[in-house]
Amino acid sequence: MAREFSTVGVVGLGTMGSGIAEVLARSGLSVIAVEVDDASLARGRGYLEHSTDRALARGKLDEQGRGQLLERVRCTTSLTDLAEADLVIEAIPESLELKADVFAQLDKITRPDTILASNTSSLSVTEIGVHTSRPGKVVGMHFFNPAPVLKLIEVVRTVVTEPDVVADVVAFAQRLGKTPVVIGDRAGFIANALLFGYLNHAVEMYEQRYATREDLDAAMRYGCGYPMGPLALLDLIGLDTAYEILDTMYHQSRNRLHAPAPLLKQMITAGLLGRKTGRGFYAYDEPDSPTVVPDGATPVASTAGQPDVRPVRTVAVIGTGTMATGIAEVFAKRGYDVVLRARSEEKAQVSIGRVRKSLDRAVVKGRLTEAGAEAALARITPAVEFAELARADLVVEAVAEELSVKQAVFAALDEVARPGAVLATTTSSLPVVACAAATSRQSDVVGMHFFNPAPVMKLVEVVSTIATAPDVVATAHAVCADLGKHPVHCGDRAGFIVNALLFPYLNDAVRMLEAHYAEADDIDTAMKVGCGLPMGPFELLDVVGLDVSLAIQRTLYNEFREAGFAPAPLLEHLVTAGRLGRKTGKGFRDYT
């Protein structure tokens, strides 16, 4: 029979502990909250009162409910007051020594059947539990901050945690209105193990001056639909907290991708901890404020000293796939004359038909008038011969993601494109400079990586090679802005910004699954519920296509030679078996 939890202890009343106490009290439980001294207790009680004040102001609590909630939380400075607790949740700072000491004391104070849980986000629950005489009744219960808002709880079982303890804690988490996922005891658990490798990689990109902080953050928000960019998220988490989590993960995993970027240590030493100190990767109007203010690194909108922009009135798009037709539609809707080149007249007409269907859908959804759709379609001229592209001011290549195919296209363009025309490739992972090398005008070649579906997605990665002329970069930027897109700038490196940050994270998720550490559904749930991502990693892999994902991961590994970027064997095996995701009916999940 499942345990009944009526009285729950919380040790530590910092931001997380007070949030956990609030969650428990909201569910009608009696809470005993313990802090080290009266000052810490008063501060914790203040957090609780401030949070419930906000809930009252937003109509999520009434005055009576708030009063009853606060009455259920009894504050004390003595651990011995937890003697009758059914469950104790420890939420003190991330120090194994401190946590071990607390658990050793709780072991002597509480009843033998009391479950002892740690809210640790990265430390080994096993190492904490061995300091008690009941390691089978020790479990991880990792809430996410702010606990009253975020639904995820990672329930961490050690090799000796009793199955009924796990089952009872899962049922208890559900009673609290939370979404529990059960995982093994490994550094970072699910969410942090996947999230912090990605965040660390973003810091390294910034440290190498590969892209600006604004472009790194915008790329992940507009390209992946993430609620926050990686550097803004680090400022919210706290750089010191992030460093501790990464360092703990590295010492357990010895994975170089978890070794904290040197810049993190430098910023921490300088006191730049993020929002809580008013400065981190960004500057804030005051400590603990979310309001970003300009600083010395903020881009200044000025045309002084900027290269001239080449005039663009006619655009040629090469290709007949979803990306090519989407790009043609975007330009035509904005008023550009578009030449859409296909390998045959039949393919050209099929492509025009795709654009027509997309425009019709936009009309049905009220995003475009019928007249606007007709006008856009009238601006698109089909073409078969490369010579028909001679009048274009900008040529956008969107053919198959094969270097030899793209190079053949650029060699043909070199023969017919007018002098001064900007030649762009939409490649997502191939080297732009290799396309440029097929021409005699490398300075005119730039990457313009649109995201699919192009009519919907706002991001365009503008990729400069070592030969790209400044006015070509400026022209690509101006065109993107005119289309209503958000251009971000980076160098010519495998994956550019988005894919270079996204696919190692997806690969890490596959490795986690193949190690039988957690189920695919739990990993997806953890990243969606715990981190606010629009899709879990396995959902996303199945949508993108496992073959496409594998090709990108191989490209990243071949360029950077980073062991952690080597494609997970499970991904290789699924592709070999023809399980490519939704397009074949089976991938990580079965869609048949």
Protein backbone atom coordinates (compact mmCIF):
# COMPACT_ATOMS: atom_id res chain seq x y z
CA MET A 1 0.00 0.00 0.00
CA ALA A 2 1.30 3.47 -0.93
CA ARG A 3 2.65 5.65 1.84
CA GLU A 4 0.60 8.60 3.00
CA PHE A 5 2.51 11.85 3.33
CA SER A 6 0.80 14.39 5.57
CA THR A 7 3.75 16.16 7.21
CA VAL A 8 6.74 17.05 5.06
CA GLY A 9 9.98 18.68 6.15
CA VAL A 10 12.00 21.10 4.03
CA VAL A 11 15.61 21.76 5.00
CA GLY A 12 16.84 25.03 3.54
CA LEU A 13 14.64 28.05 2.83
CA GLY A 14 16.53 29.72 0.01
CA THR A 15 14.78 30.51 -3.27
CA MET A 16 14.35 26.83 -4.08
CA GLY A 17 13.50 25.61 -0.59
CA SER A 18 10.90 28.31 0.01
CA GLY A 19 9.38 27.51 -3.40
CA ILE A 20 9.15 23.82 -2.49
CA ALA A 21 7.56 24.70 0.86
CA GLU A 22 4.98 26.81 -0.99
CA VAL A 23 4.17 23.95 -3.40
CA LEU A 24 3.67 21.55 -0.48
CA ALA A 25 1.51 23.96 1.51
CA ARG A 26 -0.63 24.73 -1.56
CA SER A 27 -1.48 21.02 -1.66
CA GLY A 28 -2.78 21.10 1.92
CA LEU A 29 0.24 19.48 3.55
CA SER A 30 1.72 20.47 6.90
CA VAL A 31 5.23 21.75 6.28
CA ILE A 32 8.09 22.05 8.75
CA ALA A 33 10.73 24.38 7.30
CA VAL A 34 14.22 24.41 8.82
CA GLU A 35 17.03 26.96 8.45
CA VAL A 36 20.40 27.36 10.17
CA ASP A 37 19.63 30.57 12.07
CA ASP A 38 16.93 33.17 12.73
CA ALA A 39 18.21 35.58 10.06
CA SER A 40 18.11 32.88 7.35
CA LEU A 41 14.69 31.79 8.58
CA ALA A 42 13.34 35.34 8.34
CA ARG A 43 14.78 35.71 4.84
CA GLY A 44 13.18 32.42 3.77
CA ARG A 45 9.86 33.40 5.28
CA GLY A 46 10.16 36.66 3.35
CA TYR A 47 10.63 34.73 0.06
CA LEU A 48 7.49 32.76 0.84
CA GLU A 49 5.44 35.86 1.68
CA HIS A 50 6.68 37.70 -1.41
CA SER A 51 5.80 34.79 -3.70
CA THR A 52 2.31 34.39 -2.23
CA ASP A 53 1.81 38.16 -2.48
CA ARG A 54 2.45 37.90 -6.21
CA ALA A 55 0.04 34.95 -6.47
CA LEU A 56 -2.56 37.05 -4.64
CA ALA A 57 -2.03 40.00 -7.00
CA ARG A 58 -2.42 37.75 -10.04
CA GLY A 59 -5.63 36.19 -8.73
CA LYS A 60 -4.10 32.74 -8.24
CA LEU A 61 -4.77 32.91 -4.49
CA ASP A 62 -7.35 34.78 -2.44
CA GLU A 63 -6.59 36.42 0.92
CA GLN A 64 -8.05 33.56 2.89
CA GLY A 65 -6.19 30.93 0.86
CA ARG A 66 -2.93 32.83 1.28
CA GLY A 67 -3.40 33.01 5.04
CA GLN A 68 -4.15 29.30 5.29
CA LEU A 69 -1.14 28.45 3.12
CA LEU A 70 1.24 30.43 5.33
CA GLU A 71 -0.27 28.86 8.48
CA ARG A 72 0.62 25.40 7.16
CA VAL A 73 4.34 26.29 7.09
CA ARG A 74 5.98 26.11 10.51
CA CYS A 75 9.48 27.60 10.58
CA THR A 76 12.22 26.44 12.94
CA THR A 77 15.98 26.41 13.35
CA SER A 78 16.08 22.91 14.82
CA LEU A 79 16.33 19.74 12.74
CA THR A 80 14.91 17.77 15.69
CA ASP A 81 11.49 19.29 14.90
CA LEU A 82 11.42 16.96 11.86
CA ALA A 83 11.11 13.84 14.06
CA GLU A 84 7.53 13.13 12.97
CA ALA A 85 7.89 14.04 9.28
CA ASP A 86 6.82 11.41 6.72
CA LEU A 87 9.15 12.83 4.09
CA VAL A 88 12.03 15.31 4.33
CA ILE A 89 13.24 17.26 1.28
CA GLU A 90 16.72 18.78 1.59
CA ALA A 91 17.27 21.99 -0.42
CA ILE A 92 20.54 23.43 0.91
CA PRO A 93 23.50 24.69 -1.23
CA GLU A 94 25.19 22.27 -3.67
CA SER A 95 27.93 20.96 -1.36
CA LEU A 96 28.33 17.22 -0.88
CA GLU A 97 29.90 17.78 2.55
CA LEU A 98 26.99 19.93 3.75
CA LYS A 99 24.34 17.61 2.37
CA ALA A 100 26.04 14.50 3.78
CA ASP A 101 26.10 16.10 7.24
CA VAL A 102 22.40 17.01 7.08
CA PHE A 103 21.42 13.49 5.96
CA ALA A 104 23.51 11.91 8.72
CA GLN A 105 21.64 14.04 11.28
CA LEU A 106 18.22 13.38 9.70
CA ASP A 107 18.93 9.65 9.81
CA LYS A 108 19.17 9.82 13.62
CA ILE A 109 16.21 12.20 14.09
CA THR A 110 13.48 10.84 11.79
CA ARG A 111 11.52 7.58 11.98
CA PRO A 112 13.15 4.56 10.22
CA ASP A 113 10.41 4.55 7.53
CA THR A 114 10.74 8.28 6.72
CA ILE A 115 11.89 8.92 3.15
CA LEU A 116 14.81 11.32 2.82
CA ALA A 117 14.98 13.24 -0.48
CA SER A 118 17.61 15.59 -1.88
CA ASN A 119 16.80 18.43 -4.27
CA THR A 120 20.37 18.32 -5.63
CA SER A 121 20.63 19.28 -9.28
CA SER A 122 23.98 17.64 -10.00
CA LEU A 123 25.50 15.81 -7.01
CA SER A 124 25.40 12.03 -6.63
CA VAL A 125 22.35 10.94 -4.63
CA THR A 126 24.18 7.67 -3.94
CA GLU A 127 27.07 9.52 -2.26
CA ILE A 128 24.58 11.47 -0.16
CA GLY A 129 22.58 8.38 0.82
CA VAL A 130 25.53 6.35 2.09
CA HIS A 131 25.85 8.73 5.03
CA THR A 132 22.63 7.25 6.41
CA SER A 133 21.71 3.80 7.72
CA ARG A 134 18.82 3.69 5.20
CA PRO A 135 20.22 4.32 1.70
CA GLY A 136 17.27 2.35 0.30
CA LYS A 137 14.95 5.13 1.48
CA VAL A 138 17.05 7.95 0.01
CA VAL A 139 15.96 9.40 -3.32
CA GLY A 140 16.56 12.48 -5.44
CA MET A 141 13.65 14.86 -5.84
CA HIS A 142 14.89 17.61 -8.14
CA PHE A 143 12.39 20.46 -8.45
CA PHE A 144 12.95 23.20 -11.03
CA ASN A 145 13.09 26.90 -10.28
CA PRO A 146 10.65 28.59 -9.68
CA ALA A 147 9.15 25.53 -8.00
CA PRO A 148 5.59 26.94 -7.73
CA VAL A 149 5.51 27.45 -11.52
CA LEU A 150 7.58 24.71 -13.18
CA LYS A 151 5.97 21.28 -13.35
CA LEU A 152 8.94 18.94 -13.71
CA ILE A 153 10.36 16.86 -10.88
CA GLU A 154 13.26 14.51 -11.64
CA VAL A 155 12.90 11.51 -9.31
CA VAL A 156 16.41 10.06 -9.00
CA ARG A 157 16.77 6.41 -7.99
CA THR A 158 20.12 5.02 -6.90
CA VAL A 159 21.13 1.38 -7.31
CA VAL A 160 19.87 0.69 -3.78
CA THR A 161 16.73 2.85 -3.65
CA GLU A 162 13.77 0.60 -2.85
CA PRO A 163 11.25 0.32 -5.73
CA ASP A 164 8.29 1.13 -3.48
CA VAL A 165 10.07 4.33 -2.37
CA VAL A 166 10.38 5.43 -6.00
CA ALA A 167 6.74 4.54 -6.70
CA ASP A 168 5.52 6.44 -3.62
CA VAL A 169 7.56 9.54 -4.45
CA VAL A 170 6.28 9.52 -8.05
CA ALA A 171 2.68 9.28 -6.77
CA PHE A 172 3.39 12.10 -4.31
CA ALA A 173 4.83 14.32 -7.08
CA GLN A 174 1.67 13.72 -9.12
CA ARG A 175 -0.44 14.65 -6.08
CA LEU A 176 1.42 17.98 -6.02
CA GLY A 177 0.31 18.58 -9.62
CA LYS A 178 3.81 17.99 -10.94
CA THR A 179 5.15 15.89 -13.82
CA PRO A 180 7.65 13.33 -12.49
CA VAL A 181 10.26 11.51 -14.57
CA VAL A 182 12.27 8.63 -13.09
CA ILE A 183 15.99 8.44 -13.85
CA GLY A 184 19.21 6.87 -12.65
CA ASP A 185 21.84 8.61 -10.56
CA ARG A 186 24.11 10.31 -13.08
CA ALA A 187 25.69 13.78 -13.13
CA GLY A 188 23.14 16.40 -14.15
CA PHE A 189 20.29 13.85 -14.32
CA ILE A 190 18.31 14.50 -17.54
CA ALA A 191 17.63 18.21 -17.91
CA ASN A 192 20.90 19.61 -16.60
CA ALA A 193 23.00 16.93 -18.30
CA LEU A 194 21.54 17.93 -21.67
CA LEU A 195 21.04 21.64 -21.02
CA PHE A 196 24.40 22.63 -19.52
CA GLY A 197 26.52 21.01 -22.25
CA TYR A 198 24.61 23.18 -24.73
CA LEU A 199 25.02 26.31 -22.57
CA ASN A 200 28.75 25.67 -22.15
CA HIS A 201 29.14 25.28 -25.93
CA ALA A 202 27.42 28.65 -26.44
CA VAL A 203 29.86 30.31 -24.00
CA GLU A 204 32.77 28.83 -25.95
CA MET A 205 31.35 30.25 -29.21
CA TYR A 206 31.09 33.68 -27.61
CA GLU A 207 34.54 33.36 -26.06
CA GLN A 208 35.98 32.59 -29.51
CA ARG A 209 34.17 35.67 -30.93
CA TYR A 210 32.45 33.45 -33.43
CA ALA A 211 29.21 35.38 -32.94
CA THR A 212 27.93 38.20 -30.75
CA ARG A 213 25.91 37.50 -27.61
CA GLU A 214 22.83 39.03 -29.30
CA ASP A 215 23.19 36.83 -32.39
CA LEU A 216 23.82 33.65 -30.38
CA ASP A 217 20.68 34.24 -28.32
CA ALA A 218 18.52 35.35 -31.26
CA ALA A 219 19.62 32.33 -33.30
CA MET A 220 18.28 29.86 -30.74
CA ARG A 221 15.11 31.82 -30.06
CA TYR A 222 14.16 32.37 -33.70
CA GLY A 223 15.74 29.22 -35.14
CA CYS A 224 14.59 26.69 -32.51
CA GLY A 225 11.72 28.46 -30.75
CA TYR A 226 13.57 28.39 -27.41
CA PRO A 227 12.06 30.71 -24.79
CA MET A 228 15.49 32.24 -24.03
CA GLY A 229 18.87 32.31 -25.71
CA PRO A 230 21.73 30.44 -23.99
CA LEU A 231 23.63 33.47 -22.65
CA ALA A 232 20.49 35.19 -21.35
CA LEU A 233 19.53 31.91 -19.68
CA LEU A 234 22.94 31.64 -18.03
CA ASP A 235 22.47 35.15 -16.63
CA LEU A 236 19.12 34.03 -15.19
CA ILE A 237 20.53 30.81 -13.69
CA GLY A 238 23.63 32.54 -12.32
CA LEU A 239 27.09 31.98 -13.76
CA ASP A 240 28.42 30.68 -10.44
CA THR A 241 25.61 28.11 -10.25
CA ALA A 242 26.23 27.09 -13.86
CA TYR A 243 29.95 26.71 -13.19
CA GLU A 244 29.31 24.47 -10.16
CA ILE A 245 26.93 22.24 -12.12
CA LEU A 246 29.31 21.94 -15.07
CA ASP A 247 32.29 21.28 -12.82
CA THR A 248 30.39 18.55 -10.93
CA MET A 249 29.27 16.98 -14.21
CA TYR A 250 32.82 17.08 -15.59
CA HIS A 251 34.30 15.39 -12.52
CA GLN A 252 31.80 12.56 -12.87
CA SER A 253 31.67 12.21 -16.65
CA ARG A 254 35.19 13.36 -17.65
CA ASN A 255 33.47 14.56 -20.82
CA ARG A 256 35.46 17.52 -22.13
CA LEU A 257 32.22 19.16 -23.29
CA HIS A 258 31.27 19.51 -19.60
CA ALA A 259 34.54 21.23 -18.64
CA PRO A 260 33.46 24.81 -17.82
CA ALA A 261 34.53 27.34 -20.46
CA PRO A 262 37.42 29.47 -19.10
CA LEU A 263 35.36 32.62 -19.68
CA LEU A 264 32.86 31.48 -17.04
CA LYS A 265 35.57 31.35 -14.37
CA GLN A 266 36.90 34.76 -15.39
CA MET A 267 33.45 36.35 -15.20
CA ILE A 268 32.75 34.77 -11.82
CA THR A 269 36.07 36.04 -10.47
CA ALA A 270 35.13 39.53 -11.70
CA GLY A 271 31.78 39.31 -9.89
CA LEU A 272 29.75 39.13 -13.12
CA LEU A 273 27.30 36.47 -11.97
CA GLY A 274 24.30 37.45 -14.08
CA ARG A 275 21.00 39.02 -13.09
CA LYS A 276 21.60 38.62 -9.37
CA THR A 277 24.57 41.00 -9.48
CA GLY A 278 23.19 43.21 -12.27
CA ARG A 279 25.87 42.15 -14.76
CA GLY A 280 26.72 38.95 -16.56
CA PHE A 281 26.78 38.43 -20.30
CA TYR A 282 24.37 41.40 -20.36
CA ALA A 283 23.99 44.47 -18.12
CA TYR A 284 20.77 44.96 -16.11
CA ASP A 285 19.28 48.13 -14.64
CA GLU A 286 19.76 46.76 -11.11
CA PRO A 287 20.57 43.46 -9.34
CA ASP A 288 17.84 40.81 -9.67
CA SER A 289 16.17 42.77 -12.48
CA PRO A 290 15.23 41.19 -15.82
CA THR A 291 15.57 44.52 -17.64
CA VAL A 292 18.59 44.60 -19.96
CA VAL A 293 20.27 47.99 -20.44
CA PRO A 294 22.87 49.01 -23.05
CA ASP A 295 26.54 48.56 -22.24
CA GLY A 296 29.83 48.82 -24.11
CA ALA A 297 29.12 45.65 -26.11
CA THR A 298 25.63 46.65 -27.24
CA PRO A 299 25.38 47.04 -31.04
CA VAL A 300 24.82 50.64 -32.14
CA ALA A 301 22.47 51.29 -35.06
CA SER A 302 24.50 53.64 -37.23
CA THR A 303 25.24 53.85 -40.95
CA ALA A 304 28.44 55.83 -40.39
CA GLY A 305 31.43 53.86 -41.63
CA GLN A 306 29.21 50.99 -42.82
CA PRO A 307 29.78 49.50 -46.29
CA ASP A 308 27.37 50.45 -49.05
CA VAL A 309 24.57 48.04 -49.82
CA ARG A 310 24.22 46.70 -53.36
CA PRO A 311 20.78 47.32 -54.91
CA VAL A 312 18.60 44.18 -55.12
CA ARG A 313 15.41 44.22 -57.21
CA THR A 314 15.46 40.87 -58.99
CA VAL A 315 16.16 37.61 -57.16
CA ALA A 316 16.86 34.22 -58.68
CA VAL A 317 16.16 31.09 -56.64
CA ILE A 318 17.69 27.80 -57.77
CA GLY A 319 15.95 24.59 -56.71
CA THR A 320 12.54 22.97 -56.60
CA GLY A 321 12.33 21.60 -53.08
CA THR A 322 10.40 22.88 -50.08
CA MET A 323 13.16 25.31 -49.14
CA ALA A 324 13.55 26.80 -52.63
CA THR A 325 9.83 27.33 -53.18
CA GLY A 326 9.46 28.77 -49.67
CA ILE A 327 12.27 31.28 -50.31
CA ALA A 328 10.77 32.23 -53.69
CA GLU A 329 7.41 32.85 -51.97
CA VAL A 330 9.02 35.04 -49.29
CA PHE A 331 10.71 37.28 -51.88
CA ALA A 332 7.65 37.46 -54.15
CA LYS A 333 5.34 38.44 -51.30
CA ARG A 334 7.71 41.27 -50.40
CA GLY A 335 7.58 42.68 -53.95
CA TYR A 336 10.79 41.35 -55.50
CA ASP A 337 10.79 39.99 -59.06
CA VAL A 338 11.70 36.31 -58.73
CA VAL A 339 13.14 33.88 -61.27
CA LEU A 340 12.65 30.30 -60.06
CA ARG A 341 15.06 27.95 -61.83
CA ALA A 342 14.38 24.23 -62.21
CA ARG A 343 16.06 21.49 -64.22
CA SER A 344 13.05 21.09 -66.53
CA GLU A 345 9.91 22.98 -67.52
CA GLU A 346 7.80 20.32 -65.83
CA LYS A 347 9.68 20.67 -62.52
CA ALA A 348 9.43 24.46 -62.77
CA GLN A 349 5.63 24.29 -63.11
CA VAL A 350 5.37 21.85 -60.19
CA SER A 351 7.38 24.33 -58.09
CA ILE A 352 5.12 27.21 -59.10
CA GLY A 353 2.19 25.01 -58.10
CA ARG A 354 3.71 24.51 -54.64
CA VAL A 355 4.03 28.25 -54.20
CA ARG A 356 0.41 28.70 -55.31
CA LYS A 357 -0.80 26.15 -52.71
CA SER A 358 1.20 27.84 -49.96
CA LEU A 359 -0.19 31.26 -50.91
CA ASP A 360 -3.73 29.82 -50.97
CA ARG A 361 -3.23 28.46 -47.43
CA ALA A 362 -2.06 31.90 -46.31
CA VAL A 363 -5.25 33.41 -47.77
CA VAL A 364 -7.45 30.84 -45.98
CA LYS A 365 -5.70 31.63 -42.69
CA GLY A 366 -6.24 35.36 -43.20
CA ARG A 367 -2.53 36.13 -43.48
CA LEU A 368 -2.77 37.34 -47.07
CA THR A 369 -5.45 38.79 -49.31
CA GLU A 370 -6.45 37.08 -52.55
CA ALA A 371 -5.15 40.07 -54.48
CA GLY A 372 -1.85 39.90 -52.59
CA ALA A 373 -1.51 36.20 -53.40
CA GLU A 374 -2.19 36.76 -57.10
CA ALA A 375 0.30 39.64 -57.23
CA ALA A 376 2.99 37.56 -55.52
CA LEU A 377 2.46 34.64 -57.90
CA ALA A 378 2.63 36.98 -60.91
CA ARG A 379 6.10 38.13 -59.81
CA ILE A 380 7.55 34.59 -60.13
CA THR A 381 8.92 33.57 -63.52
CA PRO A 382 9.93 29.95 -64.11
CA ALA A 383 13.29 29.24 -65.77
CA VAL A 384 15.29 26.25 -66.93
CA GLU A 385 18.46 27.67 -68.46
CA PHE A 386 21.09 29.33 -66.26
CA ALA A 387 21.33 32.12 -68.84
CA GLU A 388 17.86 33.25 -67.75
CA LEU A 389 19.36 34.26 -64.38
CA ALA A 390 21.69 36.84 -65.92
CA ARG A 391 19.63 39.84 -64.82
CA ALA A 392 19.37 38.80 -61.15
CA ASP A 393 20.93 41.08 -58.51
CA LEU A 394 20.87 38.25 -55.94
CA VAL A 395 20.97 34.52 -56.65
CA VAL A 396 19.96 32.13 -53.86
CA GLU A 397 20.99 28.51 -54.38
CA ALA A 398 18.75 25.99 -52.58
CA VAL A 399 19.54 22.64 -54.21
CA ALA A 400 20.40 19.29 -52.58
CA GLU A 401 22.80 19.32 -49.63
CA GLU A 402 25.65 17.76 -51.61
CA LEU A 403 28.84 19.74 -52.12
CA SER A 404 29.51 18.51 -55.66
CA VAL A 405 25.98 19.49 -56.74
CA LYS A 406 26.29 22.95 -55.20
CA GLN A 407 29.73 23.50 -56.71
CA ALA A 408 28.38 22.66 -60.17
CA VAL A 409 25.64 25.25 -59.67
CA PHE A 410 28.12 27.94 -58.60
CA ALA A 411 30.43 27.15 -61.52
CA ALA A 412 27.47 27.62 -63.89
CA LEU A 413 26.48 30.86 -62.15
CA ASP A 414 30.00 32.18 -62.55
CA GLU A 415 29.52 32.00 -66.31
CA VAL A 416 26.16 33.83 -66.50
CA ALA A 417 25.60 36.02 -63.42
CA ARG A 418 26.09 39.71 -64.04
CA PRO A 419 29.12 41.46 -62.47
CA GLY A 420 28.32 42.57 -58.93
CA ALA A 421 25.51 40.05 -58.41
CA VAL A 422 25.45 38.54 -54.91
CA LEU A 423 25.63 34.73 -54.99
CA ALA A 424 24.20 33.05 -51.87
CA THR A 425 23.94 29.44 -50.71
CA THR A 426 21.34 28.16 -48.26
CA THR A 427 23.52 25.28 -47.05
CA SER A 428 22.92 24.32 -43.44
CA SER A 429 26.23 22.57 -42.82
CA LEU A 430 28.53 22.52 -45.86
CA PRO A 431 31.41 25.03 -46.16
CA VAL A 432 30.32 28.18 -47.98
CA VAL A 433 33.90 28.81 -49.08
CA ALA A 434 33.89 25.51 -50.99
CA CYS A 435 30.95 26.82 -53.04
CA ALA A 436 32.74 30.13 -53.53
CA ALA A 437 35.88 28.32 -54.72
CA ALA A 438 33.93 27.06 -57.74
CA THR A 439 33.70 30.68 -58.97
CA SER A 440 36.13 33.39 -60.01
CA ARG A 441 34.32 35.85 -57.73
CA GLN A 442 34.70 34.50 -54.21
CA SER A 443 34.16 37.94 -52.70
CA ASP A 444 30.56 37.94 -54.03
CA VAL A 445 29.61 34.66 -52.33
CA VAL A 446 27.84 34.54 -48.94
CA GLY A 447 25.79 32.05 -46.94
CA MET A 448 22.10 32.87 -46.38
CA HIS A 449 20.76 29.96 -44.34
CA PHE A 450 16.97 30.25 -44.21
CA PHE A 451 15.07 27.96 -41.85
CA ASN A 452 12.24 25.68 -42.88
CA PRO A 453 9.43 26.57 -43.52
CA ALA A 454 10.92 29.79 -44.93
CA PRO A 455 7.60 31.71 -45.09
CA VAL A 456 7.14 31.17 -41.33
CA MET A 457 10.60 31.05 -39.71
CA LYS A 458 12.15 34.44 -38.97
CA LEU A 459 15.80 33.47 -38.69
CA VAL A 460 18.43 33.72 -41.43
CA GLU A 461 22.08 32.92 -40.66
CA VAL A 462 24.31 35.23 -42.75
CA VAL A 463 27.60 33.36 -43.16
CA SER A 464 30.81 35.15 -44.18
CA THR A 465 33.79 33.31 -45.61
CA ILE A 466 37.35 34.64 -45.34
CA ALA A 467 36.83 36.08 -48.86
CA THR A 468 33.32 37.56 -48.62
CA ALA A 469 33.29 41.31 -49.29
CA PRO A 470 31.89 43.55 -46.51
CA ASP A 471 29.31 45.10 -48.84
CA VAL A 472 28.04 41.60 -49.76
CA VAL A 473 27.50 40.83 -46.06
CA ALA A 474 25.78 44.20 -45.62
CA THR A 475 23.56 43.49 -48.64
CA ALA A 476 22.52 40.07 -47.35
CA HIS A 477 21.71 41.63 -43.95
CA ALA A 478 19.66 44.45 -45.53
CA VAL A 479 17.72 42.04 -47.74
CA CYS A 480 16.88 39.78 -44.77
CA ALA A 481 15.72 42.77 -42.72
CA ASP A 482 13.58 43.97 -45.65
CA LEU A 483 11.94 40.52 -45.81
CA GLY A 484 10.99 40.82 -42.13
CA LYS A 485 13.55 38.19 -41.15
CA HIS A 486 16.04 38.36 -38.27
CA PRO A 487 19.60 38.06 -39.64
CA VAL A 488 22.40 36.81 -37.41
CA HIS A 489 26.05 36.77 -38.41
CA CYS A 490 28.70 34.10 -38.04
CA GLY A 491 31.78 32.69 -39.72
CA ASP A 492 32.01 29.80 -42.15
CA ARG A 493 32.18 26.88 -39.73
CA ALA A 494 30.30 23.57 -39.71
CA GLY A 495 26.77 23.96 -38.34
CA PHE A 496 27.05 27.75 -38.16
CA ILE A 497 25.25 28.79 -34.93
CA VAL A 498 22.01 26.84 -34.63
CA ASN A 499 23.02 23.41 -35.89
CA ALA A 500 26.38 23.58 -34.09
CA LEU A 501 24.54 24.14 -30.78
CA LEU A 502 21.47 22.01 -31.45
CA PHE A 503 22.80 18.73 -32.83
CA PRO A 504 25.41 17.92 -30.15
CA TYR A 505 22.55 18.32 -27.63
CA LEU A 506 20.37 15.95 -29.68
CA ASN A 507 23.29 13.51 -29.96
CA ASP A 508 23.76 13.63 -26.17
CA ALA A 509 20.08 12.71 -25.75
CA VAL A 510 20.54 9.67 -28.02
CA ARG A 511 23.56 8.58 -25.99
CA MET A 512 21.48 8.93 -22.81
CA LEU A 513 18.80 6.69 -24.30
CA GLU A 514 21.20 4.04 -25.61
CA ALA A 515 22.80 3.85 -22.13
CA HIS A 516 19.33 2.89 -20.76
CA TYR A 517 19.61 5.83 -18.38
CA ALA A 518 16.10 7.10 -19.11
CA GLU A 519 13.25 6.41 -21.53
CA ALA A 520 12.71 8.55 -24.64
CA ASP A 521 9.35 9.79 -23.33
CA ASP A 522 10.88 10.84 -20.01
CA ILE A 523 13.78 12.62 -21.72
CA ASP A 524 11.37 14.49 -23.99
CA THR A 525 9.15 15.37 -21.04
CA ALA A 526 12.10 16.62 -18.99
CA MET A 527 13.26 19.00 -21.71
CA LYS A 528 9.78 20.30 -22.55
CA VAL A 529 8.41 20.62 -19.02
CA GLY A 530 11.67 21.41 -17.20
CA CYS A 531 13.32 23.68 -19.77
CA GLY A 532 10.33 25.05 -21.68
CA LEU A 533 11.54 23.74 -25.06
CA PRO A 534 8.88 23.45 -27.79
CA MET A 535 9.81 19.83 -28.58
CA GLY A 536 11.72 17.07 -26.85
CA PRO A 537 14.93 15.83 -28.53
CA PHE A 538 13.42 12.61 -29.89
CA GLU A 539 10.31 14.34 -31.20
CA LEU A 540 12.57 16.81 -32.97
CA LEU A 541 14.91 14.15 -34.38
CA ASP A 542 11.96 12.27 -35.86
CA VAL A 543 10.66 15.49 -37.45
CA VAL A 544 14.03 16.56 -38.87
CA GLY A 545 14.80 13.06 -40.12
CA LEU A 546 17.39 10.76 -38.59
CA ASP A 547 19.37 10.62 -41.85
CA VAL A 548 19.57 14.41 -42.02
CA SER A 549 20.51 14.56 -38.33
CA LEU A 550 23.22 11.94 -38.79
CA ALA A 551 24.69 13.80 -41.78
CA ILE A 552 24.89 17.05 -39.80
CA GLN A 553 26.40 15.29 -36.79
CA ARG A 554 29.03 13.66 -39.00
CA THR A 555 29.85 17.04 -40.53
CA LEU A 556 30.34 18.56 -37.07
CA TYR A 557 32.55 15.68 -35.96
CA ASN A 558 34.65 15.77 -39.12
CA GLU A 559 35.23 19.50 -38.76
CA PHE A 560 35.91 19.81 -35.04
CA ARG A 561 37.27 16.29 -34.30
CA GLU A 562 35.60 16.54 -30.89
CA ALA A 563 35.00 13.08 -29.39
CA GLY A 564 31.71 14.22 -27.88
CA PHE A 565 30.45 15.12 -31.38
CA ALA A 566 30.90 11.59 -32.76
CA PRO A 567 27.44 10.33 -33.81
CA ALA A 568 25.81 8.06 -31.24
CA PRO A 569 25.89 4.42 -32.45
CA LEU A 570 22.12 4.11 -31.92
CA LEU A 571 21.55 6.95 -34.41
CA GLU A 572 23.78 5.20 -36.94
CA HIS A 573 21.94 1.89 -36.45
CA LEU A 574 18.46 3.40 -36.86
CA VAL A 575 19.48 5.08 -40.11
CA THR A 576 21.04 1.85 -41.40
CA ALA A 577 17.77 0.07 -40.60
CA GLY A 578 15.81 2.66 -42.60
CA ARG A 579 14.07 4.08 -39.55
CA LEU A 580 14.40 7.75 -40.46
CA GLY A 581 11.57 9.29 -38.43
CA ARG A 582 8.15 10.50 -39.44
CA LYS A 583 8.90 10.39 -43.17
CA THR A 584 9.31 6.58 -43.05
CA GLY A 585 6.74 5.97 -40.31
CA LYS A 586 9.31 4.83 -37.76
CA GLY A 587 12.18 6.52 -35.98
CA PHE A 588 12.58 6.76 -32.25
CA ARG A 589 8.81 6.28 -32.20
CA ASP A 590 6.41 4.31 -34.36
CA TYR A 591 4.02 6.52 -36.36
CA THR A 592 2.35 3.71 -38.32
